[in-house]
Amino acid sequence: MSGERIRILIADDHAVLRAGLRMLLEAQPDMTVVGEAADGEETIALTERLAPDLVLLDITMPGVGGLEALRQIKTAHPDTKVLVLTMHDDEGYLRQVLEAGGSGYVLKRAADTELLSAIRAVHTGGTFLHAEHIRILLESAPDREGEQQEEGDDSYERLSQREREVLRLIALGYTNRQAAEQLYLSVKTVETYKARLMSKLGLHSRAELVRYALRKGLLSE
């Protein structure tokens, strides 16, 4: 497996940027670019046809936007990793990406220093967020959620060991199927654990789950 390259689809409406990204990625011994897309529709179609390991996705594209393309890709191909590369340093976009199933969020201005690490982290099942974005997720919760955090901290002690394991894997970006394989459980059992733990903790979205796991230190173990 160590000899296999990460198969990447680049989705961005700027041809010059796509060319630059292709050069950067193809120069890596563990990465290969299998295709390029200039809009959301093409991204969805090429994901279907090429079955890449990872889609490097811009949010702002003509036609079907990046966020909608992300939702459709994760619905049809839940095991395909999606890493967003964007110019938008915006909390709203960040939350929408996480809630739609994205595994990471990299700013174009930081692409030269963070992109390769982000691709490798996401490919191995992790979630990649810049330190500043982690801070935003931790600090920007509304007051109502602040109350939930206190309850959640107490409720964590009521989670079973399996529920804690599922919580950590899902927060790290694993799909239900991947978590099931990791824990030697059925997908349905993992879905049951996930629903149960989110109910116990008062969480309603993947963004909240990731933020909770970060606060508990579960992603740094």
C-alpha atoms as a PDB file:
ATOM      1  CA  MET A   1       0.000   0.000   0.000  1.00  0.00           C
ATOM      2  CA  SER A   2       2.934   2.333   0.684  1.00  0.00           C
ATOM      3  CA  GLY A   3       3.661   2.386  -3.058  1.00  0.00           C
ATOM      4  CA  GLU A   4       0.200   3.571  -4.025  1.00  0.00           C
ATOM      5  CA  ARG A   5      -0.229   7.245  -4.818  1.00  0.00           C
ATOM      6  CA  ILE A   6      -3.070   9.382  -3.533  1.00  0.00           C
ATOM      7  CA  ARG A   7      -5.339   9.893  -6.539  1.00  0.00           C
ATOM      8  CA  ILE A   8      -6.491  13.530  -6.579  1.00  0.00           C
ATOM      9  CA  LEU A   9      -9.130  15.427  -8.571  1.00  0.00           C
ATOM     10  CA  ILE A  10      -8.531  19.197  -8.707  1.00  0.00           C
ATOM     11  CA  ALA A  11     -11.714  21.295  -8.886  1.00  0.00           C
ATOM     12  CA  ASP A  12     -11.253  25.047  -9.432  1.00  0.00           C
ATOM     13  CA  ASP A  13     -12.534  27.434 -12.084  1.00  0.00           C
ATOM     14  CA  HIS A  14      -9.129  29.098 -12.575  1.00  0.00           C
ATOM     15  CA  ALA A  15      -7.049  27.195 -15.139  1.00  0.00           C
ATOM     16  CA  VAL A  16      -3.771  28.834 -14.096  1.00  0.00           C
ATOM     17  CA  LEU A  17      -4.287  27.799 -10.489  1.00  0.00           C
ATOM     18  CA  ARG A  18      -5.191  24.246 -11.528  1.00  0.00           C
ATOM     19  CA  ALA A  19      -1.983  24.041 -13.553  1.00  0.00           C
ATOM     20  CA  GLY A  20       0.082  25.258 -10.617  1.00  0.00           C
ATOM     21  CA  LEU A  21      -1.573  22.810  -8.242  1.00  0.00           C
ATOM     22  CA  ARG A  22      -1.037  19.952 -10.685  1.00  0.00           C
ATOM     23  CA  MET A  23       2.700  20.741 -10.887  1.00  0.00           C
ATOM     24  CA  LEU A  24       2.959  20.905  -7.096  1.00  0.00           C
ATOM     25  CA  LEU A  25       1.085  17.661  -6.501  1.00  0.00           C
ATOM     26  CA  GLU A  26       2.652  15.665  -9.333  1.00  0.00           C
ATOM     27  CA  ALA A  27       6.093  16.520  -7.909  1.00  0.00           C
ATOM     28  CA  GLN A  28       5.213  14.550  -4.770  1.00  0.00           C
ATOM     29  CA  PRO A  29       6.197  10.860  -4.748  1.00  0.00           C
ATOM     30  CA  ASP A  30       2.929   9.842  -3.076  1.00  0.00           C
ATOM     31  CA  MET A  31       0.439  11.913  -5.115  1.00  0.00           C
ATOM     32  CA  THR A  32      -0.989  11.907  -8.642  1.00  0.00           C
ATOM     33  CA  VAL A  33      -3.607  14.123 -10.301  1.00  0.00           C
ATOM     34  CA  VAL A  34      -6.205  12.024 -12.104  1.00  0.00           C
ATOM     35  CA  GLY A  35      -8.334  14.885 -13.432  1.00  0.00           C
ATOM     36  CA  GLU A  36      -9.317  18.563 -13.371  1.00  0.00           C
ATOM     37  CA  ALA A  37     -12.756  20.160 -13.148  1.00  0.00           C
ATOM     38  CA  ALA A  38     -13.732  23.792 -13.784  1.00  0.00           C
ATOM     39  CA  ASP A  39     -17.210  23.819 -12.216  1.00  0.00           C
ATOM     40  CA  GLY A  40     -19.450  21.938  -9.817  1.00  0.00           C
ATOM     41  CA  GLU A  41     -21.213  19.795 -12.419  1.00  0.00           C
ATOM     42  CA  GLU A  42     -17.926  18.639 -13.913  1.00  0.00           C
ATOM     43  CA  THR A  43     -16.564  17.907 -10.441  1.00  0.00           C
ATOM     44  CA  ILE A  44     -19.508  15.653  -9.634  1.00  0.00           C
ATOM     45  CA  ALA A  45     -19.290  13.891 -13.009  1.00  0.00           C
ATOM     46  CA  LEU A  46     -15.529  13.305 -12.814  1.00  0.00           C
ATOM     47  CA  THR A  47     -15.780  12.048  -9.249  1.00  0.00           C
ATOM     48  CA  GLU A  48     -18.281   9.495 -10.512  1.00  0.00           C
ATOM     49  CA  ARG A  49     -16.125   8.484 -13.473  1.00  0.00           C
ATOM     50  CA  LEU A  50     -12.611   8.624 -12.011  1.00  0.00           C
ATOM     51  CA  ALA A  51     -13.298   7.578  -8.377  1.00  0.00           C
ATOM     52  CA  PRO A  52     -10.466   9.702  -6.919  1.00  0.00           C
ATOM     53  CA  ASP A  53      -9.253   9.144  -3.368  1.00  0.00           C
ATOM     54  CA  LEU A  54      -9.512  12.868  -2.689  1.00  0.00           C
ATOM     55  CA  VAL A  55     -11.219  15.866  -4.286  1.00  0.00           C
ATOM     56  CA  LEU A  56      -9.394  19.181  -3.836  1.00  0.00           C
ATOM     57  CA  LEU A  57     -12.366  21.524  -4.067  1.00  0.00           C
ATOM     58  CA  ASP A  58     -12.850  25.265  -4.427  1.00  0.00           C
ATOM     59  CA  ILE A  59     -16.067  26.673  -2.927  1.00  0.00           C
ATOM     60  CA  THR A  60     -16.714  29.458  -5.442  1.00  0.00           C
ATOM     61  CA  MET A  61     -17.294  27.937  -8.867  1.00  0.00           C
ATOM     62  CA  PRO A  62     -19.854  28.649 -11.612  1.00  0.00           C
ATOM     63  CA  GLY A  63     -23.037  26.599 -11.920  1.00  0.00           C
ATOM     64  CA  VAL A  64     -23.370  24.125  -9.079  1.00  0.00           C
ATOM     65  CA  GLY A  65     -21.197  25.687  -6.374  1.00  0.00           C
ATOM     66  CA  GLY A  66     -18.523  23.930  -4.392  1.00  0.00           C
ATOM     67  CA  LEU A  67     -20.679  23.404  -1.306  1.00  0.00           C
ATOM     68  CA  GLU A  68     -23.465  21.751  -3.275  1.00  0.00           C
ATOM     69  CA  ALA A  69     -20.920  19.646  -5.165  1.00  0.00           C
ATOM     70  CA  LEU A  70     -19.466  18.604  -1.799  1.00  0.00           C
ATOM     71  CA  ARG A  71     -22.880  17.539  -0.504  1.00  0.00           C
ATOM     72  CA  GLN A  72     -23.649  15.530  -3.625  1.00  0.00           C
ATOM     73  CA  ILE A  73     -20.239  13.861  -3.683  1.00  0.00           C
ATOM     74  CA  LYS A  74     -20.440  12.802  -0.022  1.00  0.00           C
ATOM     75  CA  THR A  75     -23.977  11.499  -0.519  1.00  0.00           C
ATOM     76  CA  ALA A  76     -23.082   9.408  -3.570  1.00  0.00           C
ATOM     77  CA  HIS A  77     -19.498   8.513  -2.565  1.00  0.00           C
ATOM     78  CA  PRO A  78     -19.164   8.742   1.229  1.00  0.00           C
ATOM     79  CA  ASP A  79     -15.668   7.231   1.220  1.00  0.00           C
ATOM     80  CA  THR A  80     -14.252   9.909  -1.100  1.00  0.00           C
ATOM     81  CA  LYS A  81     -12.347  12.499   0.921  1.00  0.00           C
ATOM     82  CA  VAL A  82     -13.025  16.161   0.128  1.00  0.00           C
ATOM     83  CA  LEU A  83     -10.512  18.851   1.071  1.00  0.00           C
ATOM     84  CA  VAL A  84     -11.654  22.436   0.489  1.00  0.00           C
ATOM     85  CA  LEU A  85      -9.069  24.897  -0.840  1.00  0.00           C
ATOM     86  CA  THR A  86     -10.555  28.386  -0.764  1.00  0.00           C
ATOM     87  CA  MET A  87      -9.860  32.103  -0.534  1.00  0.00           C
ATOM     88  CA  HIS A  88     -12.746  32.506   1.931  1.00  0.00           C
ATOM     89  CA  ASP A  89     -11.460  32.865   5.493  1.00  0.00           C
ATOM     90  CA  ASP A  90     -15.023  32.770   6.746  1.00  0.00           C
ATOM     91  CA  GLU A  91     -16.529  30.978   9.740  1.00  0.00           C
ATOM     92  CA  GLY A  92     -19.833  30.448   7.949  1.00  0.00           C
ATOM     93  CA  TYR A  93     -18.197  28.608   5.055  1.00  0.00           C
ATOM     94  CA  LEU A  94     -16.033  26.617   7.463  1.00  0.00           C
ATOM     95  CA  ARG A  95     -19.067  25.360   9.362  1.00  0.00           C
ATOM     96  CA  GLN A  96     -20.967  24.523   6.169  1.00  0.00           C
ATOM     97  CA  VAL A  97     -18.002  22.535   4.837  1.00  0.00           C
ATOM     98  CA  LEU A  98     -17.755  20.456   8.025  1.00  0.00           C
ATOM     99  CA  GLU A  99     -21.499  19.912   8.202  1.00  0.00           C
ATOM    100  CA  ALA A 100     -21.557  18.782   4.554  1.00  0.00           C
ATOM    101  CA  GLY A 101     -18.901  16.163   5.219  1.00  0.00           C
ATOM    102  CA  GLY A 102     -15.701  17.943   4.211  1.00  0.00           C
ATOM    103  CA  SER A 103     -12.546  16.640   5.881  1.00  0.00           C
ATOM    104  CA  GLY A 104     -10.477  19.802   5.804  1.00  0.00           C
ATOM    105  CA  TYR A 105     -10.320  23.516   5.060  1.00  0.00           C
ATOM    106  CA  VAL A 106      -7.182  25.160   3.639  1.00  0.00           C
ATOM    107  CA  LEU A 107      -6.854  28.810   2.624  1.00  0.00           C
ATOM    108  CA  LYS A 108      -5.312  29.466  -0.784  1.00  0.00           C
ATOM    109  CA  ARG A 109      -2.907  31.968   0.726  1.00  0.00           C
ATOM    110  CA  ALA A 110      -1.499  29.183   2.921  1.00  0.00           C
ATOM    111  CA  ALA A 111      -1.525  26.503   0.221  1.00  0.00           C
ATOM    112  CA  ASP A 112       2.240  26.518  -0.193  1.00  0.00           C
ATOM    113  CA  THR A 113       2.819  25.633   3.465  1.00  0.00           C
ATOM    114  CA  GLU A 114      -0.240  23.607   4.442  1.00  0.00           C
ATOM    115  CA  LEU A 115      -1.711  21.893   1.400  1.00  0.00           C
ATOM    116  CA  LEU A 116       0.523  18.829   1.166  1.00  0.00           C
ATOM    117  CA  SER A 117       0.247  18.123   4.887  1.00  0.00           C
ATOM    118  CA  ALA A 118      -3.520  18.576   4.682  1.00  0.00           C
ATOM    119  CA  ILE A 119      -3.861  16.137   1.779  1.00  0.00           C
ATOM    120  CA  ARG A 120      -1.855  13.468   3.586  1.00  0.00           C
ATOM    121  CA  ALA A 121      -3.739  13.976   6.847  1.00  0.00           C
ATOM    122  CA  VAL A 122      -7.159  13.800   5.202  1.00  0.00           C
ATOM    123  CA  HIS A 123      -6.201  10.785   3.069  1.00  0.00           C
ATOM    124  CA  THR A 124      -5.317   8.788   6.188  1.00  0.00           C
ATOM    125  CA  GLY A 125      -8.672   9.542   7.787  1.00  0.00           C
ATOM    126  CA  GLY A 126      -7.870  12.734   9.655  1.00  0.00           C
ATOM    127  CA  THR A 127      -9.479  16.163   9.698  1.00  0.00           C
ATOM    128  CA  PHE A 128      -7.298  19.135   8.766  1.00  0.00           C
ATOM    129  CA  LEU A 129      -8.057  22.574  10.165  1.00  0.00           C
ATOM    130  CA  HIS A 130      -5.733  25.537  10.598  1.00  0.00           C
ATOM    131  CA  ALA A 131      -5.025  26.441  14.230  1.00  0.00           C
ATOM    132  CA  GLU A 132      -6.958  29.682  13.779  1.00  0.00           C
ATOM    133  CA  HIS A 133     -10.010  27.799  12.535  1.00  0.00           C
ATOM    134  CA  ILE A 134      -9.859  25.453  15.510  1.00  0.00           C
ATOM    135  CA  ARG A 135      -9.822  28.532  17.738  1.00  0.00           C
ATOM    136  CA  ILE A 136     -12.838  29.951  15.894  1.00  0.00           C
ATOM    137  CA  LEU A 137     -14.810  26.738  16.354  1.00  0.00           C
ATOM    138  CA  LEU A 138     -13.948  26.618  20.030  1.00  0.00           C
ATOM    139  CA  GLU A 139     -14.653  30.265  20.815  1.00  0.00           C
ATOM    140  CA  SER A 140     -17.501  31.278  18.535  1.00  0.00           C
ATOM    141  CA  ALA A 141     -20.227  28.968  19.856  1.00  0.00           C
ATOM    142  CA  PRO A 142     -23.412  30.825  20.867  1.00  0.00           C
ATOM    143  CA  ASP A 143     -24.303  31.176  24.545  1.00  0.00           C
ATOM    144  CA  ARG A 144     -26.923  28.436  24.220  1.00  0.00           C
ATOM    145  CA  GLU A 145     -24.207  26.027  23.197  1.00  0.00           C
ATOM    146  CA  GLY A 146     -22.017  27.211  26.054  1.00  0.00           C
ATOM    147  CA  GLU A 147     -24.648  25.838  28.372  1.00  0.00           C
ATOM    148  CA  GLN A 148     -24.667  22.608  26.393  1.00  0.00           C
ATOM    149  CA  GLN A 149     -20.907  22.346  26.769  1.00  0.00           C
ATOM    150  CA  GLU A 150     -21.188  22.106  30.534  1.00  0.00           C
ATOM    151  CA  GLU A 151     -23.845  19.442  30.210  1.00  0.00           C
ATOM    152  CA  GLY A 152     -21.804  17.725  27.518  1.00  0.00           C
ATOM    153  CA  ASP A 153     -18.710  17.552  29.691  1.00  0.00           C
ATOM    154  CA  ASP A 154     -20.750  15.776  32.362  1.00  0.00           C
ATOM    155  CA  SER A 155     -22.488  13.621  29.781  1.00  0.00           C
ATOM    156  CA  TYR A 156     -19.162  12.412  28.382  1.00  0.00           C
ATOM    157  CA  GLU A 157     -18.738  10.284  31.474  1.00  0.00           C
ATOM    158  CA  ARG A 158     -21.991   8.520  30.578  1.00  0.00           C
ATOM    159  CA  LEU A 159     -20.722   7.461  27.151  1.00  0.00           C
ATOM    160  CA  SER A 160     -19.742   3.831  26.783  1.00  0.00           C
ATOM    161  CA  GLN A 161     -16.223   2.997  25.614  1.00  0.00           C
ATOM    162  CA  ARG A 162     -17.577   2.109  22.171  1.00  0.00           C
ATOM    163  CA  GLU A 163     -19.473   5.411  21.943  1.00  0.00           C
ATOM    164  CA  ARG A 164     -16.267   7.274  22.793  1.00  0.00           C
ATOM    165  CA  GLU A 165     -14.372   5.377  20.100  1.00  0.00           C
ATOM    166  CA  VAL A 166     -17.050   6.137  17.511  1.00  0.00           C
ATOM    167  CA  LEU A 167     -17.106   9.809  18.564  1.00  0.00           C
ATOM    168  CA  ARG A 168     -13.362  10.144  18.034  1.00  0.00           C
ATOM    169  CA  LEU A 169     -13.302   8.372  14.664  1.00  0.00           C
ATOM    170  CA  ILE A 170     -16.237  10.348  13.247  1.00  0.00           C
ATOM    171  CA  ALA A 171     -14.665  13.617  14.453  1.00  0.00           C
ATOM    172  CA  LEU A 172     -11.410  12.595  12.744  1.00  0.00           C
ATOM    173  CA  GLY A 173     -13.270  12.368   9.451  1.00  0.00           C
ATOM    174  CA  TYR A 174     -13.939   8.635   9.208  1.00  0.00           C
ATOM    175  CA  THR A 175     -17.110   7.626   7.405  1.00  0.00           C
ATOM    176  CA  ASN A 176     -19.526   5.284   9.195  1.00  0.00           C
ATOM    177  CA  ARG A 177     -18.218   2.453   7.033  1.00  0.00           C
ATOM    178  CA  GLN A 178     -14.570   3.198   7.816  1.00  0.00           C
ATOM    179  CA  ALA A 179     -15.318   3.480  11.535  1.00  0.00           C
ATOM    180  CA  ALA A 180     -17.117   0.133  11.364  1.00  0.00           C
ATOM    181  CA  GLU A 181     -14.087  -1.498   9.741  1.00  0.00           C
ATOM    182  CA  GLN A 182     -11.751   0.066  12.296  1.00  0.00           C
ATOM    183  CA  LEU A 183     -13.829  -1.185  15.229  1.00  0.00           C
ATOM    184  CA  TYR A 184     -14.887  -4.513  13.670  1.00  0.00           C
ATOM    185  CA  LEU A 185     -18.555  -3.572  13.896  1.00  0.00           C
ATOM    186  CA  SER A 186     -21.380  -3.410  11.370  1.00  0.00           C
ATOM    187  CA  VAL A 187     -22.167  -0.064   9.748  1.00  0.00           C
ATOM    188  CA  LYS A 188     -25.625  -0.131  11.319  1.00  0.00           C
ATOM    189  CA  THR A 189     -24.131  -0.629  14.788  1.00  0.00           C
ATOM    190  CA  VAL A 190     -21.827   2.362  14.259  1.00  0.00           C
ATOM    191  CA  GLU A 191     -24.786   4.460  13.109  1.00  0.00           C
ATOM    192  CA  THR A 192     -26.643   3.460  16.272  1.00  0.00           C
ATOM    193  CA  TYR A 193     -23.688   4.393  18.498  1.00  0.00           C
ATOM    194  CA  LYS A 194     -23.306   7.712  16.652  1.00  0.00           C
ATOM    195  CA  ALA A 195     -26.987   8.629  17.048  1.00  0.00           C
ATOM    196  CA  ARG A 196     -26.926   7.624  20.712  1.00  0.00           C
ATOM    197  CA  LEU A 197     -23.777   9.571  21.609  1.00  0.00           C
ATOM    198  CA  MET A 198     -24.933  12.714  19.784  1.00  0.00           C
ATOM    199  CA  SER A 199     -28.221  12.533  21.662  1.00  0.00           C
ATOM    200  CA  LYS A 200     -26.454  12.118  25.007  1.00  0.00           C
ATOM    201  CA  LEU A 201     -24.125  15.059  24.288  1.00  0.00           C
ATOM    202  CA  GLY A 202     -26.794  17.311  22.798  1.00  0.00           C
ATOM    203  CA  LEU A 203     -24.952  17.616  19.479  1.00  0.00           C
ATOM    204  CA  HIS A 204     -26.804  18.166  16.209  1.00  0.00           C
ATOM    205  CA  SER A 205     -24.180  18.401  13.444  1.00  0.00           C
ATOM    206  CA  ARG A 206     -20.728  17.216  12.459  1.00  0.00           C
ATOM    207  CA  ALA A 207     -19.331  20.707  13.110  1.00  0.00           C
ATOM    208  CA  GLU A 208     -20.562  20.542  16.711  1.00  0.00           C
ATOM    209  CA  LEU A 209     -19.172  17.021  17.049  1.00  0.00           C
ATOM    210  CA  VAL A 210     -15.729  18.105  15.798  1.00  0.00           C
ATOM    211  CA  ARG A 211     -15.723  21.126  18.092  1.00  0.00           C
ATOM    212  CA  TYR A 212     -16.706  18.955  21.063  1.00  0.00           C
ATOM    213  CA  ALA A 213     -13.971  16.422  20.291  1.00  0.00           C
ATOM    214  CA  LEU A 214     -11.402  19.226  20.012  1.00  0.00           C
ATOM    215  CA  ARG A 215     -12.446  20.642  23.370  1.00  0.00           C
ATOM    216  CA  LYS A 216     -12.139  17.237  25.008  1.00  0.00           C
ATOM    217  CA  GLY A 217      -8.698  16.700  23.490  1.00  0.00           C
ATOM    218  CA  LEU A 218      -9.849  13.599  21.626  1.00  0.00           C
ATOM    219  CA  LEU A 219      -8.191  14.518  18.328  1.00  0.00           C
ATOM    220  CA  SER A 220      -4.703  14.926  19.765  1.00  0.00           C
ATOM    221  CA  GLU A 221      -4.452  11.501  21.369  1.00  0.00           C
END
